[in-house]
Structures are given as structure tokens and as C-alpha cells.
Amino acid sequence: MDPQKYNGNIHPDEWISDLQTYFNIKQNLQDLININAVNINIVISLVDSTIKLPTGIDNIEKLRSSEHIPNSLWKIEFGDELATYANNSIKLQHVLSHKFLGIFYCYYDDTSSDYISEYSKSPSTNYTEVSCYNNTDHDYGYWNGDWMFNHSKLENHQGFLKSNDIINLNIKKIYANNEVEFLRSHDIQFTIGNDVFQEVVCHNERLGGNDEWCIELIHEVKIF
């Protein structure tokens, strides 16, 4: 079996880890360029030709830092050592933009030239709008990016969030009598420039398949 080419659809760390397994090398990534059968030029040749790499890459670490990270990649952040299913919230951070996913209360309406004291609504579905935010985006209103989660199946989840768990994500609308709504994906798409995106929203309807989210571990951080 040939080694997997890198096409930008997985995290660079996962791809490099797969190469380590394929070439049966040691944990030290630098060992990869010291093995006679494998050198950095061979590894670079496994990167898809449509991905532009800078010049001067002569080791694995430089290659790792220069590789394209997919725009669809999100990172889970939580305060404790483990994200448990018992009243523990998480934050969802977009890896490329470093912004967090959440809902916004009190927004400026360009049509009326006034502030609207309600949660932003999706223009395509009228559900609660979900958006990305950082501390410099707005100087008004209230933004909430604390997501609660529960296992979507009645099975043993071992008490904490782990790779391949199927979960439901919900968020509390503090300024709407603490109403809880769930994060949902759907088939409605919208276009910005030449790019097509699939919208996610929050709702308080019956849960279904579009409300299930799979956790995937693509980069392991050693904490002990």
C-alpha cells in the first residue's frame, strides 16, 4: 500500500502521524529525514501539487508549519483535564480564524438603523443564528459561546467526552428566559463570492439526525 498523499482534508499532524506508521519510524519526527530510505524531498512529493508550499523546507517541522489546515476544522476547548458529561461546558474554536462559535443577543439592524434587543435570526430559516466571534468583533450586545453537550445515544460514554462520541450540543439563551436550543445542521446552503457554505442554526424542536455531532480526535496532547 502506498503512503497517503496530503490533500488538505485532514490535520497536518494526523497526516504526519500516518506517515510515521507507514515508514515505521521512531516517535521523534526528526528521525524521518535521517533514514536512508526516506528523506524530506520524498515526503514533500506526497503533498498534493495544488497546495503551494514555501521554499526552504528542509525538515519535518518546517513542513508541518507550512501545510494547509482545512477551513472546516474546529477545536474543542474546556477548562478541566477532561470534558465530562456532568454539567461541563465546552467552547468550539475555528482553527484558522481563531474565532468561537456561539449566539448573539442585541444586534444592529442596518434597515432600521437601530439596535434590536433579541437574538439574531438566520435570514434563510428564521431559526436562531449561529456565528463566529472574537473579543474585537463587537462593542455592544451579549455573545454566548458556552455549549453544553450530552450523549445522543443511550450507551456507555464512560463519563467524559472522547473520540467517536456522537453528541448533541445545546446552548442557553439567557435573555430569553434561559431557553435551551440545540445546534443543528441542515441542507440549506448559501454563497459568499465563489464559495458555497452549509449553514448551522439553533432550534428548540424535536431532535433528529441533523442534531448529532461526531467528535474526532486528530491530534493527541499528552497531559501527564
C-alpha atoms as a PDB file:
ATOM      1  CA  MET A   1       0.000   0.000   0.000  1.00  0.00           C
ATOM      2  CA  ASP A   2       1.352   3.399  -0.975  1.00  0.00           C
ATOM      3  CA  PRO A   3       1.665   6.180   1.611  1.00  0.00           C
ATOM      4  CA  GLN A   4      -1.262   8.579   1.797  1.00  0.00           C
ATOM      5  CA  LYS A   5      -0.926  11.869  -0.058  1.00  0.00           C
ATOM      6  CA  TYR A   6      -1.714  15.070   1.805  1.00  0.00           C
ATOM      7  CA  ASN A   7      -4.670  16.898   0.213  1.00  0.00           C
ATOM      8  CA  GLY A   8      -5.648  19.331   2.983  1.00  0.00           C
ATOM      9  CA  ASN A   9      -8.686  17.379   4.165  1.00  0.00           C
ATOM     10  CA  ILE A  10      -7.101  16.250   7.432  1.00  0.00           C
ATOM     11  CA  HIS A  11      -4.953  17.989  10.021  1.00  0.00           C
ATOM     12  CA  PRO A  12      -1.214  18.032   9.121  1.00  0.00           C
ATOM     13  CA  ASP A  13      -0.362  16.345  12.441  1.00  0.00           C
ATOM     14  CA  GLU A  14      -2.620  13.401  11.592  1.00  0.00           C
ATOM     15  CA  TRP A  15      -1.057  13.008   8.168  1.00  0.00           C
ATOM     16  CA  ILE A  16       2.481  13.090   9.563  1.00  0.00           C
ATOM     17  CA  SER A  17       1.464  10.539  12.182  1.00  0.00           C
ATOM     18  CA  ASP A  18       0.166   8.280   9.411  1.00  0.00           C
ATOM     19  CA  LEU A  19       3.494   8.627   7.615  1.00  0.00           C
ATOM     20  CA  GLN A  20       5.309   7.674  10.789  1.00  0.00           C
ATOM     21  CA  THR A  21       3.276   4.500  10.952  1.00  0.00           C
ATOM     22  CA  TYR A  22       3.811   3.770   7.265  1.00  0.00           C
ATOM     23  CA  PHE A  23       7.580   4.168   7.382  1.00  0.00           C
ATOM     24  CA  ASN A  24       7.783   2.515  10.816  1.00  0.00           C
ATOM     25  CA  ILE A  25       9.939   5.250  12.273  1.00  0.00           C
ATOM     26  CA  LYS A  26      10.521   6.386  15.854  1.00  0.00           C
ATOM     27  CA  GLN A  27       8.437   8.982  17.739  1.00  0.00           C
ATOM     28  CA  ASN A  28      10.987  11.730  17.039  1.00  0.00           C
ATOM     29  CA  LEU A  29       9.837  13.379  13.840  1.00  0.00           C
ATOM     30  CA  GLN A  30      13.381  14.423  13.003  1.00  0.00           C
ATOM     31  CA  ASP A  31      14.287  10.739  12.561  1.00  0.00           C
ATOM     32  CA  LEU A  32      12.201  10.799   9.400  1.00  0.00           C
ATOM     33  CA  ILE A  33      14.875  12.672   7.432  1.00  0.00           C
ATOM     34  CA  ASN A  34      17.728  10.599   8.857  1.00  0.00           C
ATOM     35  CA  ILE A  35      16.540   7.302   7.408  1.00  0.00           C
ATOM     36  CA  ASN A  36      18.223   6.395   4.121  1.00  0.00           C
ATOM     37  CA  ALA A  37      15.000   5.158   2.534  1.00  0.00           C
ATOM     38  CA  VAL A  38      13.050   8.324   3.345  1.00  0.00           C
ATOM     39  CA  ASN A  39      14.084  11.971   3.074  1.00  0.00           C
ATOM     40  CA  ILE A  40      12.275  15.289   3.223  1.00  0.00           C
ATOM     41  CA  ASN A  41      12.002  15.542  -0.576  1.00  0.00           C
ATOM     42  CA  ILE A  42      10.107  12.255  -0.704  1.00  0.00           C
ATOM     43  CA  VAL A  43       7.740  13.496   1.993  1.00  0.00           C
ATOM     44  CA  ILE A  44       7.178  16.789   0.131  1.00  0.00           C
ATOM     45  CA  SER A  45       6.385  14.802  -3.012  1.00  0.00           C
ATOM     46  CA  LEU A  46       3.431  13.291  -1.117  1.00  0.00           C
ATOM     47  CA  VAL A  47       1.807  16.730  -0.705  1.00  0.00           C
ATOM     48  CA  ASP A  48      -0.853  17.425  -3.330  1.00  0.00           C
ATOM     49  CA  SER A  49       0.563  19.591  -6.119  1.00  0.00           C
ATOM     50  CA  THR A  50      -2.332  22.066  -5.795  1.00  0.00           C
ATOM     51  CA  ILE A  51      -1.110  23.015  -2.296  1.00  0.00           C
ATOM     52  CA  LYS A  52       1.566  25.691  -2.577  1.00  0.00           C
ATOM     53  CA  LEU A  53       4.486  25.265  -0.197  1.00  0.00           C
ATOM     54  CA  PRO A  54       7.159  27.888   0.554  1.00  0.00           C
ATOM     55  CA  THR A  55      10.757  27.322  -0.428  1.00  0.00           C
ATOM     56  CA  GLY A  56      13.483  26.361   2.027  1.00  0.00           C
ATOM     57  CA  ILE A  57      11.707  23.421   3.674  1.00  0.00           C
ATOM     58  CA  ASP A  58      14.467  21.080   4.832  1.00  0.00           C
ATOM     59  CA  ASN A  59      12.872  19.285   7.788  1.00  0.00           C
ATOM     60  CA  ILE A  60       9.578  17.902   9.023  1.00  0.00           C
ATOM     61  CA  GLU A  61       8.845  20.731  11.446  1.00  0.00           C
ATOM     62  CA  LYS A  62       9.076  23.359   8.689  1.00  0.00           C
ATOM     63  CA  LEU A  63       6.805  21.242   6.516  1.00  0.00           C
ATOM     64  CA  ARG A  64       4.309  20.797   9.341  1.00  0.00           C
ATOM     65  CA  SER A  65       4.036  24.555   9.983  1.00  0.00           C
ATOM     66  CA  SER A  66       3.616  25.367   6.289  1.00  0.00           C
ATOM     67  CA  GLU A  67       0.894  22.865   5.437  1.00  0.00           C
ATOM     68  CA  HIS A  68      -2.641  23.935   4.731  1.00  0.00           C
ATOM     69  CA  ILE A  69      -5.152  23.464   7.552  1.00  0.00           C
ATOM     70  CA  PRO A  70      -8.698  22.751   6.279  1.00  0.00           C
ATOM     71  CA  ASN A  71     -11.236  25.541   6.768  1.00  0.00           C
ATOM     72  CA  SER A  72     -13.707  23.040   8.234  1.00  0.00           C
ATOM     73  CA  LEU A  73     -11.521  22.194  11.243  1.00  0.00           C
ATOM     74  CA  TRP A  74     -12.784  23.102  14.738  1.00  0.00           C
ATOM     75  CA  LYS A  75     -11.124  22.690  18.114  1.00  0.00           C
ATOM     76  CA  ILE A  76     -12.850  21.859  21.396  1.00  0.00           C
ATOM     77  CA  GLU A  77     -11.754  23.882  24.413  1.00  0.00           C
ATOM     78  CA  PHE A  78     -12.640  23.068  28.007  1.00  0.00           C
ATOM     79  CA  GLY A  79     -11.301  24.160  31.366  1.00  0.00           C
ATOM     80  CA  ASP A  80     -10.751  20.853  33.117  1.00  0.00           C
ATOM     81  CA  GLU A  81      -8.461  17.951  32.316  1.00  0.00           C
ATOM     82  CA  LEU A  82     -11.394  16.007  30.859  1.00  0.00           C
ATOM     83  CA  ALA A  83     -14.676  17.233  29.405  1.00  0.00           C
ATOM     84  CA  THR A  84     -17.207  15.321  31.468  1.00  0.00           C
ATOM     85  CA  TYR A  85     -20.871  14.839  30.700  1.00  0.00           C
ATOM     86  CA  ALA A  86     -21.862  16.250  34.107  1.00  0.00           C
ATOM     87  CA  ASN A  87     -22.657  19.977  33.705  1.00  0.00           C
ATOM     88  CA  ASN A  88     -19.447  20.780  31.867  1.00  0.00           C
ATOM     89  CA  SER A  89     -19.438  23.310  29.029  1.00  0.00           C
ATOM     90  CA  ILE A  90     -17.089  23.479  26.057  1.00  0.00           C
ATOM     91  CA  LYS A  91     -16.144  26.121  23.512  1.00  0.00           C
ATOM     92  CA  LEU A  92     -15.844  25.457  19.784  1.00  0.00           C
ATOM     93  CA  GLN A  93     -12.985  27.367  18.151  1.00  0.00           C
ATOM     94  CA  HIS A  94     -12.449  27.676  14.408  1.00  0.00           C
ATOM     95  CA  VAL A  95      -8.797  26.732  13.920  1.00  0.00           C
ATOM     96  CA  LEU A  96      -7.972  29.063  11.017  1.00  0.00           C
ATOM     97  CA  SER A  97      -9.721  32.240  12.231  1.00  0.00           C
ATOM     98  CA  HIS A  98      -9.349  31.520  15.985  1.00  0.00           C
ATOM     99  CA  LYS A  99     -12.963  32.666  16.432  1.00  0.00           C
ATOM    100  CA  PHE A 100     -15.502  30.905  18.633  1.00  0.00           C
ATOM    101  CA  LEU A 101     -18.950  29.593  17.683  1.00  0.00           C
ATOM    102  CA  GLY A 102     -21.967  30.962  19.538  1.00  0.00           C
ATOM    103  CA  ILE A 103     -25.135  33.060  19.501  1.00  0.00           C
ATOM    104  CA  PHE A 104     -25.520  36.821  19.791  1.00  0.00           C
ATOM    105  CA  TYR A 105     -28.101  38.923  21.618  1.00  0.00           C
ATOM    106  CA  CYS A 106     -28.821  42.571  20.714  1.00  0.00           C
ATOM    107  CA  TYR A 107     -27.566  43.438  17.263  1.00  0.00           C
ATOM    108  CA  TYR A 108     -27.537  46.459  14.966  1.00  0.00           C
ATOM    109  CA  ASP A 109     -30.114  46.418  12.170  1.00  0.00           C
ATOM    110  CA  ASP A 110     -28.991  48.297   9.065  1.00  0.00           C
ATOM    111  CA  THR A 111     -32.563  48.675   7.769  1.00  0.00           C
ATOM    112  CA  SER A 112     -33.949  50.422  10.840  1.00  0.00           C
ATOM    113  CA  SER A 113     -30.610  51.935  11.877  1.00  0.00           C
ATOM    114  CA  ASP A 114     -31.269  50.797  15.412  1.00  0.00           C
ATOM    115  CA  TYR A 115     -30.295  48.110  17.901  1.00  0.00           C
ATOM    116  CA  ILE A 116     -32.608  45.086  18.101  1.00  0.00           C
ATOM    117  CA  SER A 117     -32.923  43.538  21.574  1.00  0.00           C
ATOM    118  CA  GLU A 118     -33.375  39.905  20.589  1.00  0.00           C
ATOM    119  CA  TYR A 119     -31.232  37.018  19.452  1.00  0.00           C
ATOM    120  CA  SER A 120     -30.026  37.217  15.861  1.00  0.00           C
ATOM    121  CA  LYS A 121     -32.150  35.203  13.432  1.00  0.00           C
ATOM    122  CA  SER A 122     -30.976  33.291  10.392  1.00  0.00           C
ATOM    123  CA  PRO A 123     -32.190  35.167   7.274  1.00  0.00           C
ATOM    124  CA  SER A 124     -32.795  31.874   5.461  1.00  0.00           C
ATOM    125  CA  THR A 125     -34.683  29.859   8.108  1.00  0.00           C
ATOM    126  CA  ASN A 126     -35.638  32.259  10.928  1.00  0.00           C
ATOM    127  CA  TYR A 127     -34.007  29.918  13.436  1.00  0.00           C
ATOM    128  CA  THR A 128     -31.544  31.367  15.932  1.00  0.00           C
ATOM    129  CA  GLU A 129     -28.445  32.416  14.038  1.00  0.00           C
ATOM    130  CA  VAL A 130     -25.103  30.836  14.951  1.00  0.00           C
ATOM    131  CA  SER A 131     -21.985  32.841  14.193  1.00  0.00           C
ATOM    132  CA  CYS A 132     -18.263  33.162  14.887  1.00  0.00           C
ATOM    133  CA  TYR A 133     -16.943  35.816  17.228  1.00  0.00           C
ATOM    134  CA  ASN A 134     -13.869  37.147  18.961  1.00  0.00           C
ATOM    135  CA  ASN A 135     -13.454  39.925  21.501  1.00  0.00           C
ATOM    136  CA  THR A 136     -12.779  42.584  18.857  1.00  0.00           C
ATOM    137  CA  ASP A 137     -15.842  41.951  16.663  1.00  0.00           C
ATOM    138  CA  HIS A 138     -18.455  43.934  18.628  1.00  0.00           C
ATOM    139  CA  ASP A 139     -18.540  46.549  21.355  1.00  0.00           C
ATOM    140  CA  TYR A 140     -22.221  46.019  22.151  1.00  0.00           C
ATOM    141  CA  GLY A 141     -24.682  43.221  22.853  1.00  0.00           C
ATOM    142  CA  TYR A 142     -24.126  39.871  24.528  1.00  0.00           C
ATOM    143  CA  TRP A 143     -22.492  36.834  22.983  1.00  0.00           C
ATOM    144  CA  ASN A 144     -22.616  33.311  24.412  1.00  0.00           C
ATOM    145  CA  GLY A 145     -20.243  30.578  23.263  1.00  0.00           C
ATOM    146  CA  ASP A 146     -20.604  28.085  26.111  1.00  0.00           C
ATOM    147  CA  TRP A 147     -22.002  24.834  24.739  1.00  0.00           C
ATOM    148  CA  MET A 148     -23.384  22.043  26.898  1.00  0.00           C
ATOM    149  CA  PHE A 149     -23.348  18.525  25.490  1.00  0.00           C
ATOM    150  CA  ASN A 150     -24.965  15.190  26.109  1.00  0.00           C
ATOM    151  CA  HIS A 151     -24.529  11.781  24.525  1.00  0.00           C
ATOM    152  CA  SER A 152     -27.128  11.276  21.802  1.00  0.00           C
ATOM    153  CA  LYS A 153     -27.305   7.504  22.320  1.00  0.00           C
ATOM    154  CA  LEU A 154     -28.220   5.507  25.400  1.00  0.00           C
ATOM    155  CA  GLU A 155     -24.876   3.787  25.690  1.00  0.00           C
ATOM    156  CA  ASN A 156     -21.848   3.830  27.951  1.00  0.00           C
ATOM    157  CA  HIS A 157     -19.924   7.039  27.328  1.00  0.00           C
ATOM    158  CA  GLN A 158     -17.537   6.458  30.254  1.00  0.00           C
ATOM    159  CA  GLY A 159     -18.497   9.787  31.812  1.00  0.00           C
ATOM    160  CA  PHE A 160     -16.328  12.038  29.649  1.00  0.00           C
ATOM    161  CA  LEU A 161     -16.087  13.246  26.066  1.00  0.00           C
ATOM    162  CA  LYS A 162     -13.893  11.062  23.864  1.00  0.00           C
ATOM    163  CA  SER A 163     -13.148  10.448  20.205  1.00  0.00           C
ATOM    164  CA  ASN A 164     -16.025   8.994  18.110  1.00  0.00           C
ATOM    165  CA  ASP A 165     -18.703  10.044  20.622  1.00  0.00           C
ATOM    166  CA  ILE A 166     -21.966  11.132  18.974  1.00  0.00           C
ATOM    167  CA  ILE A 167     -23.326  14.104  20.907  1.00  0.00           C
ATOM    168  CA  ASN A 168     -25.998  16.789  20.927  1.00  0.00           C
ATOM    169  CA  LEU A 169     -24.849  20.357  21.577  1.00  0.00           C
ATOM    170  CA  ASN A 170     -27.085  22.906  23.255  1.00  0.00           C
ATOM    171  CA  ILE A 171     -26.761  26.486  24.399  1.00  0.00           C
ATOM    172  CA  LYS A 172     -28.717  28.627  26.843  1.00  0.00           C
ATOM    173  CA  LYS A 173     -30.464  31.839  25.732  1.00  0.00           C
ATOM    174  CA  ILE A 174     -30.011  33.782  28.952  1.00  0.00           C
ATOM    175  CA  TYR A 175     -32.025  36.767  27.738  1.00  0.00           C
ATOM    176  CA  ALA A 176     -34.937  34.564  26.644  1.00  0.00           C
ATOM    177  CA  ASN A 177     -35.928  33.009  29.982  1.00  0.00           C
ATOM    178  CA  ASN A 178     -32.937  30.659  29.860  1.00  0.00           C
ATOM    179  CA  GLU A 179     -34.445  28.776  26.932  1.00  0.00           C
ATOM    180  CA  VAL A 180     -32.210  25.960  25.697  1.00  0.00           C
ATOM    181  CA  GLU A 181     -31.697  25.399  21.978  1.00  0.00           C
ATOM    182  CA  PHE A 182     -29.739  22.743  20.090  1.00  0.00           C
ATOM    183  CA  LEU A 183     -27.166  23.102  17.341  1.00  0.00           C
ATOM    184  CA  ARG A 184     -28.457  21.769  14.022  1.00  0.00           C
ATOM    185  CA  SER A 185     -27.028  21.321  10.550  1.00  0.00           C
ATOM    186  CA  HIS A 186     -29.350  21.330   7.537  1.00  0.00           C
ATOM    187  CA  ASP A 187     -29.300  21.184   3.743  1.00  0.00           C
ATOM    188  CA  ILE A 188     -29.747  24.924   3.121  1.00  0.00           C
ATOM    189  CA  GLN A 189     -26.643  26.436   1.552  1.00  0.00           C
ATOM    190  CA  PHE A 190     -25.540  29.989   0.898  1.00  0.00           C
ATOM    191  CA  THR A 191     -22.821  31.541  -1.242  1.00  0.00           C
ATOM    192  CA  ILE A 192     -20.178  34.129  -0.399  1.00  0.00           C
ATOM    193  CA  GLY A 193     -18.194  35.042  -3.502  1.00  0.00           C
ATOM    194  CA  ASN A 194     -17.299  31.777  -5.203  1.00  0.00           C
ATOM    195  CA  ASP A 195     -17.540  29.695  -2.028  1.00  0.00           C
ATOM    196  CA  VAL A 196     -20.609  27.659  -1.010  1.00  0.00           C
ATOM    197  CA  PHE A 197     -21.308  27.101   2.686  1.00  0.00           C
ATOM    198  CA  GLN A 198     -23.734  24.972   4.672  1.00  0.00           C
ATOM    199  CA  GLU A 199     -25.480  26.831   7.482  1.00  0.00           C
ATOM    200  CA  VAL A 200     -25.851  25.688  11.079  1.00  0.00           C
ATOM    201  CA  VAL A 201     -28.526  27.104  13.396  1.00  0.00           C
ATOM    202  CA  CYS A 202     -30.001  26.649  16.869  1.00  0.00           C
ATOM    203  CA  HIS A 203     -33.563  25.411  17.463  1.00  0.00           C
ATOM    204  CA  ASN A 204     -35.924  24.097  20.149  1.00  0.00           C
ATOM    205  CA  GLU A 205     -37.678  21.436  18.085  1.00  0.00           C
ATOM    206  CA  ARG A 206     -37.548  17.657  18.291  1.00  0.00           C
ATOM    207  CA  LEU A 207     -34.042  16.249  17.878  1.00  0.00           C
ATOM    208  CA  GLY A 208     -33.063  14.203  14.846  1.00  0.00           C
ATOM    209  CA  GLY A 209     -30.081  13.097  12.789  1.00  0.00           C
ATOM    210  CA  ASN A 210     -29.143  16.653  11.824  1.00  0.00           C
ATOM    211  CA  ASP A 211     -28.607  17.418  15.517  1.00  0.00           C
ATOM    212  CA  GLU A 212     -25.930  14.748  16.021  1.00  0.00           C
ATOM    213  CA  TRP A 213     -22.251  15.684  16.011  1.00  0.00           C
ATOM    214  CA  CYS A 214     -19.313  13.278  15.973  1.00  0.00           C
ATOM    215  CA  ILE A 215     -16.170  14.008  17.968  1.00  0.00           C
ATOM    216  CA  GLU A 216     -12.959  13.027  16.184  1.00  0.00           C
ATOM    217  CA  LEU A 217      -9.516  13.034  17.772  1.00  0.00           C
ATOM    218  CA  ILE A 218      -6.966  14.156  15.183  1.00  0.00           C
ATOM    219  CA  HIS A 219      -4.197  15.421  17.448  1.00  0.00           C
ATOM    220  CA  GLU A 220      -3.414  13.936  20.823  1.00  0.00           C
ATOM    221  CA  VAL A 221      -1.991  16.210  23.501  1.00  0.00           C
ATOM    222  CA  LYS A 222      -0.126  14.455  26.303  1.00  0.00           C
ATOM    223  CA  ILE A 223      -1.266  15.861  29.640  1.00  0.00           C
ATOM    224  CA  PHE A 224       0.572  13.501  32.007  1.00  0.00           C
END
